[in-house]
Amino acid sequence: MAIYTTLQNDRPADGLPLSGFVRLSQILAPSGPVPACRSTIYAWIQAGAFPAPHRVGPGRIAGFRVEDVRAFLANPCTAHTAAQGSVMKHSTAVTARLANG
């Protein structure tokens, strides 16, 4: 029990570990520090505004470097401005697809 308490106290306020990799589900809202949905994160990645995941093993497992996520959280306005055009194109395409059935 004491080990778990020590590990929890070593975590910064954002809830991420000190270093290493985290999965997408650990950084997404509502429990994670990034207030965005999965599709928005992927749109930001395509626009170059959010750090891309790295392969963690030989399979399909990928994770985000904690340092990269913290850098994004330190200055999310820059990322939002850079990705705004890409996200708008994405949502316009989805709306057009829904309208055409």
Protein backbone atom coordinates (compact mmCIF):
# COMPACT_ATOMS: atom_id res chain seq x y z
CA MET A 1 0.00 0.00 0.00
CA ALA A 2 2.82 2.43 0.80
CA ILE A 3 4.42 1.88 -2.62
CA TYR A 4 1.19 2.82 -4.41
CA THR A 5 0.84 6.00 -2.34
CA THR A 6 4.43 6.99 -3.10
CA LEU A 7 3.91 6.47 -6.82
CA GLN A 8 0.72 8.53 -6.79
CA ASN A 9 2.46 11.38 -4.96
CA ASP A 10 5.27 11.41 -7.54
CA ARG A 11 2.85 12.23 -10.34
CA PRO A 12 2.55 15.83 -11.48
CA ALA A 13 -0.79 17.62 -11.36
CA ASP A 14 -1.63 16.61 -14.97
CA GLY A 15 -1.92 12.95 -13.91
CA LEU A 16 0.70 11.71 -16.37
CA PRO A 17 3.69 9.64 -15.29
CA LEU A 18 7.03 11.41 -14.94
CA SER A 19 8.40 9.87 -18.16
CA GLY A 20 7.73 7.10 -20.64
CA PHE A 21 4.78 6.47 -22.90
CA VAL A 22 1.02 6.77 -22.44
CA ARG A 23 -1.81 5.34 -24.46
CA LEU A 24 -4.40 7.56 -26.16
CA SER A 25 -7.08 6.59 -23.64
CA GLN A 26 -4.89 7.96 -20.82
CA ILE A 27 -4.70 11.45 -22.31
CA LEU A 28 -8.24 11.91 -23.67
CA ALA A 29 -11.06 13.65 -21.84
CA PRO A 30 -12.83 13.18 -19.45
CA SER A 31 -10.15 11.49 -17.31
CA GLY A 32 -7.08 12.69 -19.21
CA PRO A 33 -5.51 16.14 -19.46
CA VAL A 34 -6.33 16.75 -23.16
CA PRO A 35 -9.92 18.02 -23.58
CA ALA A 36 -10.53 16.55 -27.02
CA CYS A 37 -12.03 13.46 -28.61
CA ARG A 38 -10.15 10.75 -30.49
CA SER A 39 -10.99 12.11 -33.96
CA THR A 40 -9.81 15.61 -33.03
CA ILE A 41 -6.50 14.22 -31.76
CA TYR A 42 -5.97 12.35 -35.04
CA ALA A 43 -6.84 15.48 -37.04
CA TRP A 44 -4.29 17.43 -34.98
CA ILE A 45 -1.70 14.70 -35.64
CA GLN A 46 -2.31 14.91 -39.40
CA ALA A 47 -1.98 18.69 -39.25
CA GLY A 48 1.28 18.40 -37.30
CA ALA A 49 -0.16 20.17 -34.26
CA PHE A 50 -0.13 17.20 -31.86
CA PRO A 51 2.78 14.78 -31.40
CA ALA A 52 2.49 11.54 -33.34
CA PRO A 53 2.44 8.24 -31.46
CA HIS A 54 5.48 5.95 -31.47
CA ARG A 55 5.50 2.17 -31.82
CA VAL A 56 6.19 0.67 -28.42
CA GLY A 57 6.55 -2.97 -29.44
CA PRO A 58 6.59 -5.27 -32.44
CA GLY A 59 2.79 -5.32 -32.76
CA ARG A 60 0.25 -2.57 -33.23
CA ILE A 61 0.81 -1.03 -29.80
CA ALA A 62 1.64 2.66 -29.97
CA GLY A 63 2.06 5.28 -27.30
CA PHE A 64 2.65 8.98 -26.93
CA ARG A 65 5.83 10.23 -25.25
CA VAL A 66 4.88 11.95 -22.00
CA GLU A 67 7.36 14.75 -22.69
CA ASP A 68 5.68 15.48 -26.06
CA VAL A 69 2.21 15.53 -24.50
CA ARG A 70 3.41 17.93 -21.79
CA ALA A 71 4.94 20.21 -24.43
CA PHE A 72 1.56 20.28 -26.18
CA LEU A 73 -0.24 21.02 -22.91
CA ALA A 74 2.17 23.86 -22.18
CA ASN A 75 1.14 25.66 -25.38
CA PRO A 76 -2.11 24.24 -26.81
CA CYS A 77 -3.13 27.52 -28.50
CA THR A 78 -0.34 27.15 -31.04
CA ALA A 79 -1.51 23.65 -31.85
CA HIS A 80 -5.14 24.73 -32.16
CA THR A 81 -4.24 27.56 -34.55
CA ALA A 82 -2.05 25.31 -36.68
CA ALA A 83 -4.66 22.56 -36.89
CA GLN A 84 -7.73 24.73 -37.33
CA GLY A 85 -7.69 24.54 -41.14
CA SER A 86 -7.30 20.78 -41.17
CA VAL A 87 -10.05 20.23 -38.60
CA MET A 88 -12.41 22.51 -40.51
CA LYS A 89 -11.76 20.62 -43.75
CA HIS A 90 -12.37 17.33 -41.93
CA SER A 91 -15.68 18.45 -40.39
CA THR A 92 -16.86 19.96 -43.71
CA ALA A 93 -16.16 16.67 -45.49
CA VAL A 94 -18.05 14.71 -42.83
CA THR A 95 -21.03 17.09 -43.03
CA ALA A 96 -21.09 16.80 -46.83
CA ARG A 97 -21.00 13.00 -46.61
CA LEU A 98 -23.89 12.96 -44.15
CA ALA A 99 -25.97 15.32 -46.32
CA ASN A 100 -25.48 13.13 -49.41
CA GLY A 101 -26.53 10.01 -47.50
